[in-house]
């Protein structure tokens, strides 16, 4: 079959070369992306918040295990996370307020007695900070009570 060369008019060449998006099409795409972002962003932020809670919960569990060892040796819990007076503490690295900062820095852990001066029960509290601030405290006591339950 012989090759047939077809001649195109200037109008046909111009219409086949110039193609793109109209303003309406662009606005529709931008609107769809905006709607998807409005739906996805809160879900993503909630997932990040839940993931960061692991930092606080892991630190609470680790410190409670240290408290339990202290209880076995001394027949009482102690509310001093740092070295304390005359070494009577858990010897963790703490700030001036005797608060332990978690590995990722999203929580400060503090210890207090469940009831004032009652060394038979200890309450650990993870207070959110930095990117986690505003999420609410997470607590664990030596009786195994974890609050808020939804965070555990």
Protein backbone atom coordinates (compact mmCIF):
# COMPACT_ATOMS: atom_id res chain seq x y z
CA UNK A 1 0.00 0.00 0.00
CA UNK A 2 1.52 3.31 -0.98
CA UNK A 3 2.15 5.99 1.63
CA UNK A 4 -0.40 8.76 1.39
CA UNK A 5 0.70 12.07 2.77
CA UNK A 6 -2.17 14.02 4.16
CA UNK A 7 -1.91 17.79 4.23
CA UNK A 8 -3.26 19.51 7.32
CA UNK A 9 -4.57 23.01 7.26
CA UNK A 10 -3.11 25.66 9.57
CA UNK A 11 -6.31 25.61 11.64
CA UNK A 12 -6.04 21.84 12.18
CA UNK A 13 -2.38 22.13 13.17
CA UNK A 14 -3.12 24.98 15.59
CA UNK A 15 -6.04 23.16 17.27
CA UNK A 16 -4.03 19.95 17.70
CA UNK A 17 -1.07 21.76 19.28
CA UNK A 18 -2.88 24.14 21.62
CA UNK A 19 -4.58 22.24 24.37
CA UNK A 20 -4.76 22.81 28.11
CA UNK A 21 -7.07 23.31 31.01
CA UNK A 22 -9.81 25.83 31.17
CA UNK A 23 -10.24 27.99 34.23
CA UNK A 24 -13.38 26.08 35.21
CA UNK A 25 -11.56 22.74 35.08
CA UNK A 26 -8.74 24.15 37.22
CA UNK A 27 -11.20 25.51 39.80
CA UNK A 28 -12.98 22.16 39.99
CA UNK A 29 -9.70 20.34 40.65
CA UNK A 30 -8.68 22.89 43.31
CA UNK A 31 -12.08 22.51 44.98
CA UNK A 32 -11.78 18.72 45.06
CA UNK A 33 -8.28 18.89 46.53
CA UNK A 34 -9.53 21.37 49.16
CA UNK A 35 -12.41 19.10 50.17
CA UNK A 36 -10.13 16.07 50.41
CA UNK A 37 -7.69 18.06 52.55
CA UNK A 38 -10.48 19.19 54.88
CA UNK A 39 -11.47 15.56 55.42
CA UNK A 40 -7.99 14.01 55.60
CA UNK A 41 -6.10 16.55 57.71
CA UNK A 42 -8.08 16.15 60.98
CA UNK A 43 -7.88 12.38 60.65
CA UNK A 44 -4.12 12.58 60.12
CA UNK A 45 -3.66 14.93 63.10
CA UNK A 46 -5.69 12.60 65.32
CA UNK A 47 -3.52 9.67 64.23
CA UNK A 48 -0.34 11.62 65.02
CA UNK A 49 -1.70 12.52 68.48
CA UNK A 50 -2.53 8.87 69.23
CA UNK A 51 0.89 7.76 68.01
CA UNK A 52 2.64 10.29 70.26
CA UNK A 53 0.73 8.97 73.28
CA UNK A 54 2.83 5.82 72.98
CA UNK A 55 5.80 7.93 74.14
CA UNK A 56 4.03 8.85 77.37
CA UNK A 57 2.54 5.42 78.03
CA UNK A 58 5.86 3.66 77.49
CA UNK A 59 7.58 6.02 79.93
CA UNK A 60 4.82 5.49 82.52
CA UNK A 61 5.19 1.71 82.26
CA UNK A 62 8.99 1.90 82.47
CA UNK A 63 8.96 4.15 85.54
CA UNK A 64 6.25 2.03 87.21
CA UNK A 65 8.47 -1.04 86.74
CA UNK A 66 11.31 0.86 88.48
CA UNK A 67 8.89 1.90 91.25
CA UNK A 68 7.84 -1.74 91.71
CA UNK A 69 11.48 -2.81 92.09
CA UNK A 70 11.96 -0.01 94.62
CA UNK A 71 8.85 -1.21 96.50
CA UNK A 72 10.16 -4.77 96.67
CA UNK A 73 13.50 -3.60 98.10
CA UNK A 74 12.22 -0.90 100.47
CA UNK A 75 8.61 -1.92 101.22
CA UNK A 76 7.36 1.47 100.04
CA UNK A 77 7.06 3.58 96.90
CA UNK A 78 8.91 6.86 96.48
CA UNK A 79 7.70 10.04 94.79
CA UNK A 80 11.22 11.22 93.94
CA UNK A 81 12.16 10.33 90.36
CA UNK A 82 15.62 11.91 90.53
CA UNK A 83 18.46 11.09 92.92
CA UNK A 84 16.70 12.66 95.90
CA UNK A 85 18.20 13.45 99.29
CA UNK A 86 21.01 11.08 100.26
CA UNK A 87 20.30 8.99 97.14
CA UNK A 88 16.75 8.14 98.23
CA UNK A 89 15.17 8.31 94.81
CA UNK A 90 14.88 6.43 91.55
CA UNK A 91 18.00 8.13 90.11
CA UNK A 92 16.40 9.03 86.78
CA UNK A 93 17.55 12.08 84.84
CA UNK A 94 15.03 14.77 85.77
CA UNK A 95 14.57 18.53 85.54
CA UNK A 96 14.58 20.96 88.48
CA UNK A 97 10.93 20.09 89.26
CA UNK A 98 11.79 16.37 89.52
CA UNK A 99 10.02 15.59 86.24
CA UNK A 100 11.29 13.04 83.75
CA UNK A 101 11.16 14.02 80.07
CA UNK A 102 10.18 11.18 77.73
CA UNK A 103 12.47 10.05 74.91
CA UNK A 104 10.62 11.96 72.18
CA UNK A 105 9.99 14.95 74.47
CA UNK A 106 6.20 14.92 74.20
CA UNK A 107 5.53 14.25 77.90
CA UNK A 108 6.84 15.16 81.35
CA UNK A 109 6.41 12.40 83.93
CA UNK A 110 5.88 13.22 87.59
CA UNK A 111 5.27 11.02 90.63
CA UNK A 112 3.08 11.62 93.65
CA UNK A 113 1.48 9.49 96.33
CA UNK A 114 -2.11 8.44 95.65
CA UNK A 115 -3.00 9.84 99.07
CA UNK A 116 -0.69 12.39 100.72
CA UNK A 117 2.23 10.72 102.53
CA UNK A 118 0.83 7.20 101.94
CA UNK A 119 3.86 5.36 100.59
CA UNK A 120 1.82 2.24 99.77
CA UNK A 121 0.46 3.72 96.49
CA UNK A 122 2.20 5.80 93.82
CA UNK A 123 0.56 7.81 91.01
CA UNK A 124 2.52 8.58 87.86
CA UNK A 125 1.28 11.40 85.61
CA UNK A 126 2.35 12.09 82.05
CA UNK A 127 1.73 15.74 81.20
CA UNK A 128 1.77 16.54 77.47
CA UNK A 129 4.07 19.23 76.11
CA UNK A 130 5.42 20.57 72.81
CA UNK A 131 3.46 19.17 69.84
CA UNK A 132 1.29 17.11 72.17
CA UNK A 133 0.22 19.98 74.45
CA UNK A 134 -3.51 20.13 75.00
CA UNK A 135 -4.06 16.37 74.69
CA UNK A 136 -4.65 15.82 78.41
CA UNK A 137 -2.75 13.98 81.13
CA UNK A 138 -2.24 10.22 81.15
CA UNK A 139 -1.98 8.55 84.56
CA UNK A 140 -1.02 5.17 85.94
CA UNK A 141 -1.00 4.18 89.59
CA UNK A 142 0.52 1.24 91.43
CA UNK A 143 -2.88 -0.41 91.73
CA UNK A 144 -3.01 -0.69 87.93
CA UNK A 145 -5.58 2.05 87.37
CA UNK A 146 -4.98 3.78 84.04
CA UNK A 147 -6.72 7.02 83.11
CA UNK A 148 -8.23 8.16 80.88
CA UNK A 149 -9.30 4.72 79.74
CA UNK A 150 -9.72 5.85 76.13
CA UNK A 151 -5.97 6.64 75.93
CA UNK A 152 -4.97 3.15 77.02
